[in-house]
C-alpha atoms as a PDB file:
ATOM      1  CA  MET A   1      55.754  12.254 219.782  1.00  0.00           C
ATOM      2  CA  ARG A   2      56.065  11.405 223.491  1.00  0.00           C
ATOM      3  CA  PRO A   3      55.870   7.656 224.336  1.00  0.00           C
ATOM      4  CA  SER A   4      52.562   6.386 225.630  1.00  0.00           C
ATOM      5  CA  LEU A   5      51.919   6.626 229.358  1.00  0.00           C
ATOM      6  CA  VAL A   6      51.403   2.861 229.512  1.00  0.00           C
ATOM      7  CA  GLN A   7      54.878   2.244 228.131  1.00  0.00           C
ATOM      8  CA  GLY A   8      56.307   4.626 230.691  1.00  0.00           C
ATOM      9  CA  LEU A   9      54.518   2.924 233.580  1.00  0.00           C
ATOM     10  CA  VAL A  10      55.841  -0.543 232.706  1.00  0.00           C
ATOM     11  CA  GLU A  11      59.489   0.535 232.357  1.00  0.00           C
ATOM     12  CA  VAL A  12      60.525  -0.706 235.810  1.00  0.00           C
ATOM     13  CA  PRO A  13      58.962  -4.196 235.617  1.00  0.00           C
ATOM     14  CA  ARG A  14      60.308  -4.609 232.084  1.00  0.00           C
ATOM     15  CA  MET A  15      63.776  -3.611 233.240  1.00  0.00           C
ATOM     16  CA  ALA A  16      63.594  -6.232 235.987  1.00  0.00           C
ATOM     17  CA  GLY A  17      62.635  -8.848 233.423  1.00  0.00           C
ATOM     18  CA  GLU A  18      65.583  -7.885 231.257  1.00  0.00           C
ATOM     19  CA  ILE A  19      67.969  -8.543 234.136  1.00  0.00           C
ATOM     20  CA  GLY A  20      66.584 -12.089 234.151  1.00  0.00           C
ATOM     21  CA  GLU A  21      67.065 -12.325 230.389  1.00  0.00           C
ATOM     22  CA  TYR A  22      70.652 -11.166 230.757  1.00  0.00           C
ATOM     23  CA  ALA A  23      71.316 -13.956 233.254  1.00  0.00           C
ATOM     24  CA  ALA A  24      69.546 -16.537 231.084  1.00  0.00           C
ATOM     25  CA  PHE A  25      71.493 -15.682 227.918  1.00  0.00           C
ATOM     26  CA  GLN A  26      75.000 -15.604 229.413  1.00  0.00           C
ATOM     27  CA  ARG A  27      76.174 -18.545 227.298  1.00  0.00           C
ATOM     28  CA  VAL A  28      74.836 -16.939 224.119  1.00  0.00           C
ATOM     29  CA  LEU A  29      76.413 -13.566 224.898  1.00  0.00           C
ATOM     30  CA  ARG A  30      79.818 -15.169 225.420  1.00  0.00           C
ATOM     31  CA  ARG A  31      79.754 -16.239 221.765  1.00  0.00           C
ATOM     32  CA  ALA A  32      79.777 -12.635 220.515  1.00  0.00           C
ATOM     33  CA  ARG A  33      82.825 -11.470 218.583  1.00  0.00           C
ATOM     34  CA  HIS A  34      85.729 -10.559 220.823  1.00  0.00           C
ATOM     35  CA  GLY A  35      87.503  -7.243 220.520  1.00  0.00           C
ATOM     36  CA  ASP A  36      91.043  -6.175 219.765  1.00  0.00           C
ATOM     37  CA  GLY A  37      91.671  -4.753 223.217  1.00  0.00           C
ATOM     38  CA  HIS A  38      90.938  -1.133 222.359  1.00  0.00           C
ATOM     39  CA  HIS A  39      89.596   1.250 224.993  1.00  0.00           C
ATOM     40  CA  VAL A  40      85.914   2.173 225.277  1.00  0.00           C
ATOM     41  CA  LEU A  41      84.476   5.124 227.213  1.00  0.00           C
ATOM     42  CA  VAL A  42      80.940   4.404 228.459  1.00  0.00           C
ATOM     43  CA  LEU A  43      78.710   7.399 229.282  1.00  0.00           C
ATOM     44  CA  PRO A  44      75.589   6.989 231.481  1.00  0.00           C
ATOM     45  CA  GLY A  45      72.114   8.417 231.096  1.00  0.00           C
ATOM     46  CA  LEU A  46      70.384  11.275 232.866  1.00  0.00           C
ATOM     47  CA  MET A  47      70.376  11.067 236.683  1.00  0.00           C
ATOM     48  CA  THR A  48      72.474   7.886 236.636  1.00  0.00           C
ATOM     49  CA  SER A  49      76.141   7.166 237.226  1.00  0.00           C
ATOM     50  CA  ASP A  50      78.767   4.564 236.395  1.00  0.00           C
ATOM     51  CA  TYR A  51      76.812   2.129 238.561  1.00  0.00           C
ATOM     52  CA  SER A  52      74.131   1.952 235.855  1.00  0.00           C
ATOM     53  CA  THR A  53      76.643   0.872 233.188  1.00  0.00           C
ATOM     54  CA  ALA A  54      78.454  -1.703 235.339  1.00  0.00           C
ATOM     55  CA  ILE A  55      76.896  -4.727 233.599  1.00  0.00           C
ATOM     56  CA  LEU A  56      77.641  -3.311 230.161  1.00  0.00           C
ATOM     57  CA  ARG A  57      81.250  -2.556 231.063  1.00  0.00           C
ATOM     58  CA  LYS A  58      81.735  -5.974 232.694  1.00  0.00           C
ATOM     59  CA  TYR A  59      80.429  -7.621 229.544  1.00  0.00           C
ATOM     60  CA  LEU A  60      82.749  -5.608 227.304  1.00  0.00           C
ATOM     61  CA  ALA A  61      85.696  -6.473 229.548  1.00  0.00           C
ATOM     62  CA  SER A  62      84.851 -10.175 229.169  1.00  0.00           C
ATOM     63  CA  LEU A  63      85.200  -9.729 225.398  1.00  0.00           C
ATOM     64  CA  GLU A  64      88.704  -8.265 225.759  1.00  0.00           C
ATOM     65  CA  TYR A  65      87.864  -4.561 225.489  1.00  0.00           C
ATOM     66  CA  GLN A  66      89.187  -2.018 227.966  1.00  0.00           C
ATOM     67  CA  PRO A  67      86.008  -0.247 229.161  1.00  0.00           C
ATOM     68  CA  HIS A  68      86.048   2.910 231.265  1.00  0.00           C
ATOM     69  CA  GLY A  69      83.302   4.562 233.270  1.00  0.00           C
ATOM     70  CA  TRP A  70      83.049   8.299 232.971  1.00  0.00           C
ATOM     71  CA  GLY A  71      83.969   8.952 236.614  1.00  0.00           C
ATOM     72  CA  ASN A  72      81.823  12.086 236.982  1.00  0.00           C
ATOM     73  CA  GLY A  73      79.259  10.893 239.504  1.00  0.00           C
ATOM     74  CA  ARG A  74      75.589  11.455 238.715  1.00  0.00           C
ATOM     75  CA  ASN A  75      74.748  12.772 235.258  1.00  0.00           C
ATOM     76  CA  ILE A  76      72.651  15.921 235.806  1.00  0.00           C
ATOM     77  CA  GLY A  77      73.194  17.319 232.325  1.00  0.00           C
ATOM     78  CA  PRO A  78      75.994  19.264 230.637  1.00  0.00           C
ATOM     79  CA  THR A  79      77.300  21.301 233.548  1.00  0.00           C
ATOM     80  CA  ARG A  80      80.674  23.023 233.315  1.00  0.00           C
ATOM     81  CA  GLU A  81      82.241  20.356 235.528  1.00  0.00           C
ATOM     82  CA  ILE A  82      80.816  17.475 233.503  1.00  0.00           C
ATOM     83  CA  VAL A  83      81.643  18.921 230.076  1.00  0.00           C
ATOM     84  CA  ASP A  84      85.224  19.740 231.059  1.00  0.00           C
ATOM     85  CA  ALA A  85      85.719  16.369 232.773  1.00  0.00           C
ATOM     86  CA  MET A  86      84.490  14.416 229.723  1.00  0.00           C
ATOM     87  CA  ARG A  87      86.870  16.296 227.476  1.00  0.00           C
ATOM     88  CA  VAL A  88      89.806  15.712 229.805  1.00  0.00           C
ATOM     89  CA  THR A  89      88.941  12.025 230.094  1.00  0.00           C
ATOM     90  CA  LEU A  90      88.752  11.607 226.327  1.00  0.00           C
ATOM     91  CA  GLU A  91      91.980  13.502 225.751  1.00  0.00           C
ATOM     92  CA  THR A  92      93.807  11.560 228.459  1.00  0.00           C
ATOM     93  CA  LEU A  93      92.631   8.161 227.213  1.00  0.00           C
ATOM     94  CA  THR A  94      93.479   8.900 223.608  1.00  0.00           C
ATOM     95  CA  ASP A  95      96.859  10.418 224.455  1.00  0.00           C
ATOM     96  CA  GLU A  96      97.710   7.187 226.271  1.00  0.00           C
ATOM     97  CA  HIS A  97      95.978   4.576 224.114  1.00  0.00           C
ATOM     98  CA  GLY A  98      95.164   6.052 220.716  1.00  0.00           C
ATOM     99  CA  GLN A  99      91.657   6.108 219.267  1.00  0.00           C
ATOM    100  CA  ILE A 100      88.837   4.985 221.530  1.00  0.00           C
ATOM    101  CA  SER A 101      85.197   4.071 220.973  1.00  0.00           C
ATOM    102  CA  LEU A 102      82.335   5.875 222.724  1.00  0.00           C
ATOM    103  CA  VAL A 103      79.220   4.114 223.991  1.00  0.00           C
ATOM    104  CA  GLY A 104      76.499   6.379 225.375  1.00  0.00           C
ATOM    105  CA  TRP A 105      73.190   5.461 226.982  1.00  0.00           C
ATOM    106  CA  SER A 106      70.332   7.966 226.530  1.00  0.00           C
ATOM    107  CA  LEU A 107      71.733  11.422 227.413  1.00  0.00           C
ATOM    108  CA  GLY A 108      75.174   9.810 227.457  1.00  0.00           C
ATOM    109  CA  GLY A 109      74.745   9.066 223.772  1.00  0.00           C
ATOM    110  CA  LEU A 110      74.123  12.752 223.066  1.00  0.00           C
ATOM    111  CA  TYR A 111      77.389  13.503 224.839  1.00  0.00           C
ATOM    112  CA  ALA A 112      79.140  10.817 222.795  1.00  0.00           C
ATOM    113  CA  ARG A 113      77.987  12.329 219.519  1.00  0.00           C
ATOM    114  CA  GLN A 114      79.078  15.804 220.613  1.00  0.00           C
ATOM    115  CA  LEU A 115      82.497  14.535 221.658  1.00  0.00           C
ATOM    116  CA  ALA A 116      82.956  12.696 218.369  1.00  0.00           C
ATOM    117  CA  ARG A 117      82.156  15.854 216.436  1.00  0.00           C
ATOM    118  CA  ALA A 118      84.681  17.779 218.510  1.00  0.00           C
ATOM    119  CA  TYR A 119      87.410  15.104 218.404  1.00  0.00           C
ATOM    120  CA  PRO A 120      86.860  13.046 215.225  1.00  0.00           C
ATOM    121  CA  GLU A 121      90.537  12.123 214.951  1.00  0.00           C
ATOM    122  CA  ARG A 122      90.471  10.617 218.471  1.00  0.00           C
ATOM    123  CA  VAL A 123      87.193   8.668 218.224  1.00  0.00           C
ATOM    124  CA  ARG A 124      86.997   5.309 216.484  1.00  0.00           C
ATOM    125  CA  GLN A 125      83.194   5.011 216.485  1.00  0.00           C
ATOM    126  CA  VAL A 126      80.069   5.934 218.441  1.00  0.00           C
ATOM    127  CA  VAL A 127      77.338   3.562 219.624  1.00  0.00           C
ATOM    128  CA  THR A 128      74.255   5.050 221.277  1.00  0.00           C
ATOM    129  CA  LEU A 129      71.603   3.260 223.318  1.00  0.00           C
ATOM    130  CA  ALA A 130      68.117   4.815 223.326  1.00  0.00           C
ATOM    131  CA  SER A 131      69.584   8.278 222.728  1.00  0.00           C
ATOM    132  CA  PRO A 132      67.068  10.863 221.420  1.00  0.00           C
ATOM    133  CA  PHE A 133      69.555  12.955 219.460  1.00  0.00           C
ATOM    134  CA  ARG A 134      66.827  13.984 216.993  1.00  0.00           C
ATOM    135  CA  LEU A 135      64.414  15.225 219.655  1.00  0.00           C
ATOM    136  CA  MET A 136      62.477  18.224 218.351  1.00  0.00           C
ATOM    137  CA  LYS A 137      60.999  19.270 221.705  1.00  0.00           C
ATOM    138  CA  ARG A 138      62.451  18.340 225.091  1.00  0.00           C
ATOM    139  CA  THR A 139      58.931  17.979 226.441  1.00  0.00           C
ATOM    140  CA  ASP A 140      58.508  14.940 224.173  1.00  0.00           C
ATOM    141  CA  THR A 141      60.476  12.861 226.680  1.00  0.00           C
ATOM    142  CA  TYR A 142      59.408  11.929 230.202  1.00  0.00           C
ATOM    143  CA  ALA A 143      62.900  12.899 231.373  1.00  0.00           C
ATOM    144  CA  SER A 144      62.456  16.571 230.440  1.00  0.00           C
ATOM    145  CA  LEU A 145      61.448  17.766 233.919  1.00  0.00           C
ATOM    146  CA  LEU A 146      64.558  16.218 235.456  1.00  0.00           C
ATOM    147  CA  LEU A 147      66.764  17.806 232.828  1.00  0.00           C
ATOM    148  CA  GLU A 148      65.171  21.214 233.259  1.00  0.00           C
ATOM    149  CA  ARG A 149      65.597  21.016 237.020  1.00  0.00           C
ATOM    150  CA  TYR A 150      69.337  21.420 236.548  1.00  0.00           C
ATOM    151  CA  SER A 151      69.279  23.579 233.415  1.00  0.00           C
ATOM    152  CA  HIS A 152      70.527  26.633 235.336  1.00  0.00           C
ATOM    153  CA  LEU A 153      73.805  24.757 235.846  1.00  0.00           C
ATOM    154  CA  HIS A 154      74.263  23.774 232.207  1.00  0.00           C
ATOM    155  CA  VAL A 155      76.739  25.383 229.828  1.00  0.00           C
ATOM    156  CA  SER A 156      75.370  27.442 226.953  1.00  0.00           C
ATOM    157  CA  GLU A 157      74.002  25.762 223.844  1.00  0.00           C
ATOM    158  CA  ASP A 158      76.708  27.462 221.797  1.00  0.00           C
ATOM    159  CA  GLU A 159      79.257  25.351 223.638  1.00  0.00           C
ATOM    160  CA  PHE A 160      77.487  22.037 224.159  1.00  0.00           C
ATOM    161  CA  ASP A 161      74.076  21.946 222.589  1.00  0.00           C
ATOM    162  CA  LEU A 162      71.388  19.326 223.107  1.00  0.00           C
ATOM    163  CA  PRO A 163      69.354  17.761 220.327  1.00  0.00           C
ATOM    164  CA  GLU A 164      67.005  20.405 218.969  1.00  0.00           C
ATOM    165  CA  GLN A 165      69.607  21.402 216.340  1.00  0.00           C
ATOM    166  CA  GLU A 166      70.444  17.920 215.008  1.00  0.00           C
ATOM    167  CA  HIS A 167      68.854  18.694 211.641  1.00  0.00           C
ATOM    168  CA  LEU A 168      71.282  21.606 211.172  1.00  0.00           C
ATOM    169  CA  ARG A 169      74.450  19.634 211.881  1.00  0.00           C
ATOM    170  CA  ASP A 170      76.815  18.040 209.422  1.00  0.00           C
ATOM    171  CA  PRO A 171      76.810  14.226 209.217  1.00  0.00           C
ATOM    172  CA  MET A 172      78.676  12.431 211.969  1.00  0.00           C
ATOM    173  CA  PRO A 173      82.394  12.342 211.124  1.00  0.00           C
ATOM    174  CA  VAL A 174      82.892   8.813 212.514  1.00  0.00           C
ATOM    175  CA  PRO A 175      80.955   5.553 212.183  1.00  0.00           C
ATOM    176  CA  THR A 176      77.836   5.732 214.309  1.00  0.00           C
ATOM    177  CA  THR A 177      75.247   3.158 215.356  1.00  0.00           C
ATOM    178  CA  SER A 178      71.972   3.944 217.090  1.00  0.00           C
ATOM    179  CA  ILE A 179      70.382   1.087 219.034  1.00  0.00           C
ATOM    180  CA  TYR A 180      66.751   1.910 219.819  1.00  0.00           C
ATOM    181  CA  SER A 181      63.459   0.312 220.809  1.00  0.00           C
ATOM    182  CA  ARG A 182      59.979   1.084 219.526  1.00  0.00           C
ATOM    183  CA  THR A 183      58.660   0.137 222.978  1.00  0.00           C
ATOM    184  CA  ASP A 184      60.849   2.711 224.737  1.00  0.00           C
ATOM    185  CA  GLY A 185      58.769   4.216 227.530  1.00  0.00           C
ATOM    186  CA  ILE A 186      60.899   7.300 228.236  1.00  0.00           C
ATOM    187  CA  VAL A 187      61.971   8.844 224.923  1.00  0.00           C
ATOM    188  CA  PRO A 188      60.301   8.701 221.485  1.00  0.00           C
ATOM    189  CA  TRP A 189      61.977   6.057 219.361  1.00  0.00           C
ATOM    190  CA  GLN A 190      61.561   8.286 216.304  1.00  0.00           C
ATOM    191  CA  ALA A 191      64.081  10.701 217.831  1.00  0.00           C
ATOM    192  CA  CYS A 192      66.729   7.955 218.012  1.00  0.00           C
ATOM    193  CA  LEU A 193      67.072   7.345 214.267  1.00  0.00           C
ATOM    194  CA  ASN A 194      70.143   8.039 212.172  1.00  0.00           C
ATOM    195  CA  ASP A 195      70.009   9.166 208.592  1.00  0.00           C
ATOM    196  CA  LEU A 196      71.523   6.382 206.516  1.00  0.00           C
ATOM    197  CA  TYR A 197      74.666   7.804 204.996  1.00  0.00           C
ATOM    198  CA  GLY A 198      78.110   6.274 204.688  1.00  0.00           C
ATOM    199  CA  THR A 199      78.905   4.656 208.022  1.00  0.00           C
ATOM    200  CA  SER A 200      75.713   5.253 209.996  1.00  0.00           C
ATOM    201  CA  GLU A 201      72.978   2.798 210.878  1.00  0.00           C
ATOM    202  CA  ASN A 202      70.097   1.961 213.192  1.00  0.00           C
ATOM    203  CA  ILE A 203      69.526  -1.306 215.062  1.00  0.00           C
ATOM    204  CA  GLU A 204      66.138  -2.032 216.581  1.00  0.00           C
ATOM    205  CA  VAL A 205      65.816  -4.195 219.684  1.00  0.00           C
ATOM    206  CA  LYS A 206      62.910  -5.111 221.929  1.00  0.00           C
ATOM    207  CA  ALA A 207      63.922  -3.352 225.112  1.00  0.00           C
ATOM    208  CA  SER A 208      62.840  -0.906 227.760  1.00  0.00           C
ATOM    209  CA  HIS A 209      64.670   2.399 228.051  1.00  0.00           C
ATOM    210  CA  ILE A 210      66.064   1.836 231.525  1.00  0.00           C
ATOM    211  CA  GLY A 211      66.917  -1.797 230.774  1.00  0.00           C
ATOM    212  CA  MET A 212      68.789  -1.144 227.540  1.00  0.00           C
ATOM    213  CA  GLY A 213      72.205  -1.436 229.205  1.00  0.00           C
ATOM    214  CA  HIS A 214      71.684  -5.067 230.146  1.00  0.00           C
ATOM    215  CA  ASN A 215      69.261  -6.180 227.439  1.00  0.00           C
ATOM    216  CA  PRO A 216      70.879  -9.214 225.707  1.00  0.00           C
ATOM    217  CA  ALA A 217      70.072  -8.050 222.165  1.00  0.00           C
ATOM    218  CA  ALA A 218      71.494  -4.595 222.854  1.00  0.00           C
ATOM    219  CA  LEU A 219      74.638  -6.044 224.456  1.00  0.00           C
ATOM    220  CA  TRP A 220      75.255  -8.364 221.514  1.00  0.00           C
ATOM    221  CA  ALA A 221      74.823  -5.500 219.068  1.00  0.00           C
ATOM    222  CA  VAL A 222      77.233  -3.251 220.982  1.00  0.00           C
ATOM    223  CA  ALA A 223      79.851  -6.011 221.056  1.00  0.00           C
ATOM    224  CA  ASP A 224      79.432  -6.717 217.351  1.00  0.00           C
ATOM    225  CA  ARG A 225      79.865  -3.065 216.399  1.00  0.00           C
ATOM    226  CA  LEU A 226      82.939  -2.565 218.569  1.00  0.00           C
ATOM    227  CA  ALA A 227      84.586  -5.675 217.095  1.00  0.00           C
ATOM    228  CA  GLN A 228      84.873  -4.130 213.638  1.00  0.00           C
ATOM    229  CA  PRO A 229      88.441  -3.435 212.523  1.00  0.00           C
ATOM    230  CA  VAL A 230      89.353   0.200 211.977  1.00  0.00           C
ATOM    231  CA  GLU A 231      88.274   1.464 208.545  1.00  0.00           C
ATOM    232  CA  GLN A 232      86.431  -1.796 207.807  1.00  0.00           C
ATOM    233  CA  TRP A 233      82.956  -0.715 208.876  1.00  0.00           C
ATOM    234  CA  HIS A 234      79.965  -2.635 207.548  1.00  0.00           C
ATOM    235  CA  PRO A 235      76.279  -2.644 208.496  1.00  0.00           C
ATOM    236  CA  PHE A 236      75.073  -4.867 211.319  1.00  0.00           C
ATOM    237  CA  ARG A 237      73.880  -8.354 210.433  1.00  0.00           C
ATOM    238  CA  SER A 238      72.549 -10.545 213.197  1.00  0.00           C
ATOM    239  CA  PRO A 239      73.380 -14.241 213.310  1.00  0.00           C
ATOM    240  CA  ARG A 240      70.565 -16.316 211.878  1.00  0.00           C
ATOM    241  CA  SER A 241      69.937 -17.897 215.263  1.00  0.00           C
ATOM    242  CA  LEU A 242      69.339 -14.452 216.823  1.00  0.00           C
ATOM    243  CA  GLN A 243      67.260 -12.824 214.092  1.00  0.00           C
ATOM    244  CA  ARG A 244      64.171 -12.848 216.318  1.00  0.00           C
ATOM    245  CA  TRP A 245      65.965 -10.363 218.556  1.00  0.00           C
ATOM    246  CA  TYR A 246      66.214  -7.762 215.802  1.00  0.00           C
ATOM    247  CA  PRO A 247      63.136  -6.418 213.999  1.00  0.00           C
ATOM    248  CA  THR A 248      63.713  -4.703 210.666  1.00  0.00           C
ATOM    249  CA  PRO A 249      64.925  -1.227 211.715  1.00  0.00           C
ATOM    250  CA  ARG A 250      63.304   2.051 210.762  1.00  0.00           C
ATOM    251  CA  ASN A 251      65.459   4.862 209.419  1.00  0.00           C
ATOM    252  CA  TRP A 252      65.223   8.622 209.138  1.00  0.00           C
ATOM    253  CA  PRO A 253      63.446  10.266 207.444  1.00  0.00           C
ATOM    254  CA  LEU A 254      60.350   8.304 208.362  1.00  0.00           C
ATOM    255  CA  SER A 255      57.564   7.983 205.860  1.00  0.00           C
ATOM    256  CA  ALA A 256      54.616  10.343 206.108  1.00  0.00           C
ATOM    257  CA  GLU A 257      52.442   7.401 207.158  1.00  0.00           C
ATOM    258  CA  ASP A 258      54.757   6.508 210.045  1.00  0.00           C
ATOM    259  CA  LEU A 259      54.809  10.114 211.181  1.00  0.00           C
ATOM    260  CA  ARG A 260      51.024  10.443 211.122  1.00  0.00           C
ATOM    261  CA  LEU A 261      50.674   7.241 213.189  1.00  0.00           C
ATOM    262  CA  THR A 262      52.699   8.956 215.896  1.00  0.00           C
ATOM    263  CA  GLY A 263      50.574  12.103 215.747  1.00  0.00           C
ATOM    264  CA  ILE A 264      53.035  14.208 213.745  1.00  0.00           C
ATOM    265  CA  ASP A 265      51.932  16.246 210.760  1.00  0.00           C
ATOM    266  CA  PRO A 266      54.726  15.883 208.147  1.00  0.00           C
ATOM    267  CA  ALA A 267      54.027  19.434 206.968  1.00  0.00           C
ATOM    268  CA  GLU A 268      55.193  20.702 210.370  1.00  0.00           C
ATOM    269  CA  LEU A 269      58.673  19.253 209.969  1.00  0.00           C
ATOM    270  CA  LEU A 270      61.519  21.046 208.267  1.00  0.00           C
ATOM    271  CA  ASP A 271      61.864  20.237 204.596  1.00  0.00           C
ATOM    272  CA  ASP A 272      65.299  18.680 205.082  1.00  0.00           C
ATOM    273  CA  GLN A 273      63.777  16.050 207.367  1.00  0.00           C
ATOM    274  CA  VAL A 274      60.777  14.978 205.316  1.00  0.00           C
ATOM    275  CA  SER A 275      60.827  15.684 201.617  1.00  0.00           C
ATOM    276  CA  PRO A 276      57.701  16.545 199.621  1.00  0.00           C
ATOM    277  CA  GLU A 277      58.105  13.203 197.834  1.00  0.00           C
ATOM    278  CA  ALA A 278      58.001  11.321 201.157  1.00  0.00           C
ATOM    279  CA  ALA A 279      54.988  13.297 202.287  1.00  0.00           C
ATOM    280  CA  THR A 280      53.028  12.237 199.224  1.00  0.00           C
ATOM    281  CA  GLY A 281      54.347   8.706 198.948  1.00  0.00           C
END
């Protein structure tokens, strides 16, 4: 299920190209729906910091949101300091401003989902960018060695678990959008897919993993999702002029054919992820 080595090797040059695309599509991005001024907590990916989300937060600010970095330095995984600081930040922001939205990039998206499950009354919605919350084996991502390097500092899985148990969890209690790319070179795109129930969805973009935070299609999608009024959620629909940015998304559970193309035997998955009907159809 791990991405191909070729995709991993071209992540950096693709990311550089996406910075150019971001600059080229500034006028288009300014036409996205503006927000209602609510506050948004943006959580960075593994081994990155608020610096990595600066473009995303600047863009959200230009659309009248109130974005916040997480303020915890480099993200080395769910250490005691990081877990406690995220909770304090969320509680402080919501005590002062009411419900907030959470936007998480990669590992930051896993944090966002965990926080929303713990504080559903304080979280308006969750948007994840290339977040492998359905990862079955940590070794299926090229970031696994970095995560394991700091695993001795992480809190126990009983307190803040990472994705291997996603299939055992209840549905997300708040609206949730997963933005993913099938050309992701770091994490398997299959692990980034929501089940379609109620207020959950998947949006596919053509992006690298490390460039997702400034990819124009991803930025537009984030802005569109955050602009939805409270309790008026509806699935994402791209403007006709931008439809080329958004391939038809895949959803979980994947068909048996899709799974086999990625080297997965459907019979090896738990029966609540791939039904016998899907495996034969």
